Amino acid sequence: MAKNPDELGALWEKTGTKGPYMSGNVEGVGKVVVFRNNKKQNPREPDWRILRDRPKEERTAANRFDDHAEPPPRAGSLSDRLLANLPRPSRVDDPNDDIPF
């Protein structure tokens, strides 16, 4: 069967100790896990959070996926690639500008 050209990946539903979540692969990103946003307080906040799956040895008690902590950005990560494509503001030298940077 031919792959749908619009498909970005696949997720599988699972149940963990803190409730339901999904895991799978996203093309160009790799393995991901998706957790329900239990801290949602505003309807504009997302219902689910997508995080890069990390090896167990990288997870610490203070920074675990099931606590909804985001992993630090890595070189070549999706966030790096997205930020690299943003336009940079042009620098304008204003002699009346008192800000030293």
Protein backbone atom coordinates (compact mmCIF):
# COMPACT_ATOMS: atom_id res chain seq x y z
CA MET A 1 0.00 0.00 0.00
CA ALA A 2 1.40 3.43 -0.96
CA LYS A 3 2.13 5.90 1.83
CA ASN A 4 -0.01 9.03 1.90
CA PRO A 5 2.29 11.93 0.87
CA ASP A 6 0.70 14.17 3.54
CA GLU A 7 1.44 11.73 6.38
CA LEU A 8 4.04 13.01 8.85
CA GLY A 9 4.18 10.01 11.15
CA ALA A 10 2.16 7.66 13.32
CA LEU A 11 1.12 7.44 16.97
CA TRP A 12 0.00 4.57 19.19
CA GLU A 13 -2.25 5.02 22.23
CA LYS A 14 -0.86 3.74 25.52
CA THR A 15 -1.74 3.93 29.20
CA GLY A 16 0.90 4.87 31.77
CA THR A 17 0.86 5.30 35.52
CA LYS A 18 -0.33 8.90 35.12
CA GLY A 19 -2.93 8.23 32.44
CA PRO A 20 -3.20 7.95 28.67
CA TYR A 21 -0.46 9.06 26.29
CA MET A 22 0.68 8.36 22.75
CA SER A 23 4.06 7.41 21.33
CA GLY A 24 5.32 7.10 17.81
CA ASN A 25 7.47 8.60 15.10
CA VAL A 26 7.32 11.92 13.26
CA GLU A 27 9.25 12.25 10.01
CA GLY A 28 12.20 14.60 10.34
CA VAL A 29 11.97 14.56 14.15
CA GLY A 30 12.15 10.90 15.20
CA LYS A 31 10.53 9.26 18.20
CA VAL A 32 8.00 11.38 20.10
CA VAL A 33 5.65 11.04 23.05
CA VAL A 34 2.39 12.95 23.44
CA PHE A 35 0.89 13.72 26.84
CA ARG A 36 -2.43 15.30 27.81
CA ASN A 37 -1.93 18.86 29.11
CA ASN A 38 -3.22 18.39 32.66
CA LYS A 39 -2.19 21.95 33.57
CA LYS A 40 -4.50 23.55 31.00
CA GLN A 41 -6.21 26.63 32.44
CA ASN A 42 -7.21 28.50 29.28
CA PRO A 43 -9.13 27.21 26.22
CA ARG A 44 -6.35 28.57 24.00
CA GLU A 45 -3.78 26.26 25.62
CA PRO A 46 -3.17 22.93 23.89
CA ASP A 47 -4.97 19.75 24.96
CA TRP A 48 -1.90 17.60 24.23
CA ARG A 49 1.88 18.28 24.38
CA ILE A 50 4.35 16.67 21.95
CA LEU A 51 7.83 15.92 23.30
CA ARG A 52 10.89 14.29 21.78
CA ASP A 53 11.32 10.82 23.27
CA ARG A 54 14.65 10.44 25.04
CA PRO A 55 16.56 7.39 26.23
CA LYS A 56 15.75 6.45 29.83
CA GLU A 57 19.25 7.37 31.01
CA GLU A 58 18.64 11.01 29.92
CA ARG A 59 15.48 11.30 32.01
CA THR A 60 16.00 12.55 35.57
CA ALA A 61 13.65 12.78 38.52
CA ALA A 62 13.48 16.57 38.07
CA ASN A 63 12.98 16.48 34.31
CA ARG A 64 10.66 13.62 33.29
CA PHE A 65 8.24 13.41 30.39
CA ASP A 66 5.34 12.37 32.59
CA ASP A 67 5.86 15.62 34.57
CA HIS A 68 5.42 17.50 31.26
CA ALA A 69 8.90 19.01 31.41
CA GLU A 70 10.28 19.90 28.01
CA PRO A 71 13.63 18.44 27.01
CA PRO A 72 16.41 20.95 26.33
CA PRO A 73 16.83 21.86 22.66
CA ARG A 74 19.50 19.87 20.85
CA ALA A 75 21.53 20.89 17.81
CA GLY A 76 19.50 20.08 14.75
CA SER A 77 16.28 19.80 16.74
CA LEU A 78 12.94 20.80 15.28
CA SER A 79 13.02 24.07 17.25
CA ASP A 80 16.50 24.86 15.89
CA ARG A 81 15.32 24.25 12.33
CA LEU A 82 12.20 26.37 12.82
CA LEU A 83 14.15 29.25 14.39
CA ALA A 84 16.74 29.13 11.62
CA ASN A 85 14.03 29.91 9.06
CA LEU A 86 12.71 33.00 10.85
CA PRO A 87 13.65 36.37 9.35
CA ARG A 88 16.26 38.26 11.32
CA PRO A 89 15.54 41.90 12.20
CA SER A 90 17.75 44.36 10.38
CA ARG A 91 20.06 46.41 12.55
CA VAL A 92 19.52 50.16 12.42
CA ASP A 93 22.15 52.42 13.97
CA ASP A 94 20.25 55.28 15.57
CA PRO A 95 22.49 58.00 17.08
CA ASN A 96 19.65 58.93 19.46
CA ASP A 97 19.39 55.41 20.86
CA ASP A 98 20.61 55.28 24.49
CA ILE A 99 20.49 51.50 24.72
CA PRO A 100 24.12 50.24 24.71
CA PHE A 101 23.42 47.03 22.78
